C-alpha atoms as a PDB file:
ATOM      1  CA  MET A   1     -91.961 -77.985 -48.961  1.00  0.00           C
ATOM      2  CA  PRO A   2     -90.664 -81.399 -48.323  1.00  0.00           C
ATOM      3  CA  GLY A   3     -87.518 -80.319 -47.014  1.00  0.00           C
ATOM      4  CA  ASN A   4     -89.398 -78.101 -44.114  1.00  0.00           C
ATOM      5  CA  ILE A   5     -91.051 -81.377 -43.158  1.00  0.00           C
ATOM      6  CA  THR A   6     -87.767 -83.263 -43.024  1.00  0.00           C
ATOM      7  CA  LEU A   7     -86.325 -80.591 -40.889  1.00  0.00           C
ATOM      8  CA  ARG A   8     -89.003 -80.699 -38.491  1.00  0.00           C
ATOM      9  CA  LEU A   9     -88.854 -84.244 -37.895  1.00  0.00           C
ATOM     10  CA  ASN A  10     -85.475 -84.251 -37.417  1.00  0.00           C
ATOM     11  CA  ALA A  11     -85.667 -81.525 -34.510  1.00  0.00           C
ATOM     12  CA  VAL A  12     -88.643 -83.408 -33.040  1.00  0.00           C
ATOM     13  CA  GLY A  13     -86.614 -86.640 -33.357  1.00  0.00           C
ATOM     14  CA  GLN A  14     -83.604 -84.730 -31.438  1.00  0.00           C
ATOM     15  CA  VAL A  15     -85.829 -83.779 -28.743  1.00  0.00           C
ATOM     16  CA  LEU A  16     -87.259 -86.982 -28.309  1.00  0.00           C
ATOM     17  CA  ILE A  17     -83.730 -88.530 -28.256  1.00  0.00           C
ATOM     18  CA  SER A  18     -82.572 -86.032 -25.719  1.00  0.00           C
ATOM     19  CA  ARG A  19     -85.465 -86.406 -23.362  1.00  0.00           C
ATOM     20  CA  ASN A  20     -84.776 -90.676 -23.512  1.00  0.00           C
ATOM     21  CA  ARG A  21     -81.235 -90.208 -23.086  1.00  0.00           C
ATOM     22  CA  LYS A  22     -79.478 -88.989 -19.954  1.00  0.00           C
ATOM     23  CA  VAL A  23     -77.784 -86.046 -21.333  1.00  0.00           C
ATOM     24  CA  SER A  24     -74.943 -84.860 -18.656  1.00  0.00           C
ATOM     25  CA  ARG A  25     -73.693 -81.501 -18.688  1.00  0.00           C
ATOM     26  CA  PRO A  26     -69.945 -81.026 -17.377  1.00  0.00           C
ATOM     27  CA  TRP A  27     -69.449 -79.286 -14.392  1.00  0.00           C
ATOM     28  CA  ARG A  28     -68.546 -75.742 -15.703  1.00  0.00           C
ATOM     29  CA  TRP A  29     -66.076 -75.678 -12.808  1.00  0.00           C
ATOM     30  CA  GLY A  30     -64.654 -79.168 -13.183  1.00  0.00           C
ATOM     31  CA  ARG A  31     -61.328 -78.857 -14.611  1.00  0.00           C
ATOM     32  CA  PRO A  32     -60.250 -75.526 -13.173  1.00  0.00           C
ATOM     33  CA  VAL A  33     -60.909 -77.100  -9.641  1.00  0.00           C
ATOM     34  CA  VAL A  34     -59.137 -80.475 -10.292  1.00  0.00           C
ATOM     35  CA  THR A  35     -56.262 -78.453 -11.821  1.00  0.00           C
ATOM     36  CA  GLY A  36     -55.905 -76.169  -8.839  1.00  0.00           C
ATOM     37  CA  PHE A  37     -56.214 -79.347  -6.657  1.00  0.00           C
ATOM     38  CA  VAL A  38     -53.570 -81.114  -8.556  1.00  0.00           C
ATOM     39  CA  LEU A  39     -51.167 -78.042  -8.354  1.00  0.00           C
ATOM     40  CA  ALA A  40     -51.649 -77.355  -4.699  1.00  0.00           C
ATOM     41  CA  THR A  41     -50.746 -81.057  -3.935  1.00  0.00           C
ATOM     42  CA  ALA A  42     -47.703 -80.756  -6.022  1.00  0.00           C
ATOM     43  CA  ALA A  43     -46.788 -77.465  -4.286  1.00  0.00           C
ATOM     44  CA  VAL A  44     -47.432 -78.961  -0.592  1.00  0.00           C
ATOM     45  CA  ILE A  45     -45.135 -82.199  -1.764  1.00  0.00           C
ATOM     46  CA  PHE A  46     -42.236 -80.079  -3.382  1.00  0.00           C
ATOM     47  CA  THR A  47     -42.550 -77.545  -0.294  1.00  0.00           C
ATOM     48  CA  SER A  48     -42.373 -80.832   2.068  1.00  0.00           C
ATOM     49  CA  LEU A  49     -39.434 -82.179   0.224  1.00  0.00           C
ATOM     50  CA  PHE A  50     -37.622 -79.124   0.439  1.00  0.00           C
ATOM     51  CA  LEU A  51     -37.847 -78.618   4.143  1.00  0.00           C
ATOM     52  CA  ALA A  52     -36.793 -82.423   4.663  1.00  0.00           C
ATOM     53  CA  TRP A  53     -33.778 -81.650   2.178  1.00  0.00           C
ATOM     54  CA  GLY A  54     -32.982 -78.661   4.323  1.00  0.00           C
ATOM     55  CA  ASP A  55     -33.456 -80.694   7.782  1.00  0.00           C
ATOM     56  CA  LEU A  56     -30.928 -83.191   6.151  1.00  0.00           C
ATOM     57  CA  GLN A  57     -28.605 -80.456   5.569  1.00  0.00           C
ATOM     58  CA  ASN A  58     -28.801 -78.976   8.862  1.00  0.00           C
ATOM     59  CA  ILE A  59     -28.190 -82.511  10.515  1.00  0.00           C
ATOM     60  CA  THR A  60     -25.099 -83.251   8.304  1.00  0.00           C
ATOM     61  CA  LEU A  61     -23.812 -79.890   9.021  1.00  0.00           C
ATOM     62  CA  ASN A  62     -24.319 -80.368  12.536  1.00  0.00           C
ATOM     63  CA  TYR A  63     -22.528 -83.349  12.410  1.00  0.00           C
ATOM     64  CA  HIS A  64     -19.352 -82.172  10.739  1.00  0.00           C
ATOM     65  CA  ILE A  65     -19.117 -79.433  13.105  1.00  0.00           C
ATOM     66  CA  SER A  66     -19.189 -81.929  16.304  1.00  0.00           C
ATOM     67  CA  GLN A  67     -16.460 -83.907  14.561  1.00  0.00           C
ATOM     68  CA  ALA A  68     -14.493 -80.781  13.767  1.00  0.00           C
ATOM     69  CA  LYS A  69     -14.658 -79.984  17.173  1.00  0.00           C
ATOM     70  CA  GLU A  70     -13.628 -83.205  18.413  1.00  0.00           C
ATOM     71  CA  THR A  71     -10.713 -83.056  16.395  1.00  0.00           C
ATOM     72  CA  GLN A  72      -9.751 -79.701  17.583  1.00  0.00           C
ATOM     73  CA  LYS A  73     -10.104 -81.096  21.080  1.00  0.00           C
ATOM     74  CA  GLN A  74      -7.712 -83.902  20.235  1.00  0.00           C
ATOM     75  CA  PHE A  75      -5.329 -81.330  18.622  1.00  0.00           C
ATOM     76  CA  ARG A  76      -5.157 -78.751  21.884  1.00  0.00           C
ATOM     77  CA  ASP A  77      -4.569 -82.243  24.121  1.00  0.00           C
ATOM     78  CA  MET A  78      -1.573 -83.147  21.936  1.00  0.00           C
ATOM     79  CA  ASN A  79      -0.235 -79.646  21.389  1.00  0.00           C
ATOM     80  CA  GLY A  80      -0.338 -79.125  25.464  1.00  0.00           C
ATOM     81  CA  LYS A  81       1.715 -82.574  25.782  1.00  0.00           C
ATOM     82  CA  LEU A  82       4.019 -81.414  23.220  1.00  0.00           C
ATOM     83  CA  LYS A  83       4.683 -78.073  24.917  1.00  0.00           C
ATOM     84  CA  ILE A  84       5.495 -80.372  28.374  1.00  0.00           C
ATOM     85  CA  GLU A  85       7.893 -82.609  26.247  1.00  0.00           C
ATOM     86  CA  LEU A  86       9.547 -79.344  24.714  1.00  0.00           C
ATOM     87  CA  ALA A  87       9.847 -77.917  28.166  1.00  0.00           C
ATOM     88  CA  ASN A  88      11.253 -81.359  29.944  1.00  0.00           C
ATOM     89  CA  LEU A  89      13.577 -81.718  26.708  1.00  0.00           C
ATOM     90  CA  THR A  90      15.131 -78.292  27.192  1.00  0.00           C
ATOM     91  CA  THR A  91      15.499 -77.893  30.667  1.00  0.00           C
ATOM     92  CA  ILE A  92      18.934 -76.615  31.911  1.00  0.00           C
ATOM     93  CA  SER A  93      19.472 -79.222  33.807  1.00  0.00           C
ATOM     94  CA  ARG A  94      19.032 -82.002  31.252  1.00  0.00           C
ATOM     95  CA  LEU A  95      20.948 -80.318  28.973  1.00  0.00           C
ATOM     96  CA  GLU A  96      23.839 -79.860  31.552  1.00  0.00           C
ATOM     97  CA  LYS A  97      23.865 -83.587  32.140  1.00  0.00           C
ATOM     98  CA  LEU A  98      24.111 -84.198  28.479  1.00  0.00           C
ATOM     99  CA  ALA A  99      26.816 -81.889  28.062  1.00  0.00           C
ATOM    100  CA  ALA A 100      28.833 -83.580  30.779  1.00  0.00           C
ATOM    101  CA  GLU A 101      27.943 -87.185  29.111  1.00  0.00           C
ATOM    102  CA  TYR A 102      29.326 -86.173  25.722  1.00  0.00           C
ATOM    103  CA  GLY A 103      32.366 -83.981  27.177  1.00  0.00           C
ATOM    104  CA  MET A 104      31.064 -80.646  26.424  1.00  0.00           C
ATOM    105  CA  GLU A 105      32.249 -77.467  28.651  1.00  0.00           C
ATOM    106  CA  ALA A 106      30.744 -74.374  28.916  1.00  0.00           C
ATOM    107  CA  PRO A 107      31.394 -71.533  25.804  1.00  0.00           C
ATOM    108  CA  ARG A 108      34.211 -69.197  26.111  1.00  0.00           C
ATOM    109  CA  PRO A 109      32.659 -65.486  25.691  1.00  0.00           C
ATOM    110  CA  SER A 110      34.348 -65.286  21.731  1.00  0.00           C
ATOM    111  CA  GLN A 111      32.367 -68.495  21.032  1.00  0.00           C
ATOM    112  CA  VAL A 112      28.713 -66.746  22.262  1.00  0.00           C
ATOM    113  CA  VAL A 113      26.722 -64.937  19.377  1.00  0.00           C
ATOM    114  CA  ASN A 114      23.932 -62.644  20.541  1.00  0.00           C
ATOM    115  CA  LEU A 115      20.796 -62.661  17.996  1.00  0.00           C
ATOM    116  CA  ARG A 116      18.462 -59.550  18.367  1.00  0.00           C
END
């Protein structure tokens, strides 16, 4: 019987202690909501970083394309100038003048070789 009285006193003591203390029960959905919020925030941050990286790549590629177009334009201009120079250097009148300057004469028919 004395053990039973002790048990009752302990139970009464627990009730009194719990009534005097503010016992807060944790919110039932607290941890999953916080975890979901953190994961959603991380997803937004990583998505934003990925989109920013994509935009940076797009800007970089457009810059390289514009540089390549400028280089292509310079090469086309130089090609046109070189064609004009070639045409000027290979004119018949210029070659005849140079041949006369160096003492050359027209070739004989046996000296001409036709290439197909």
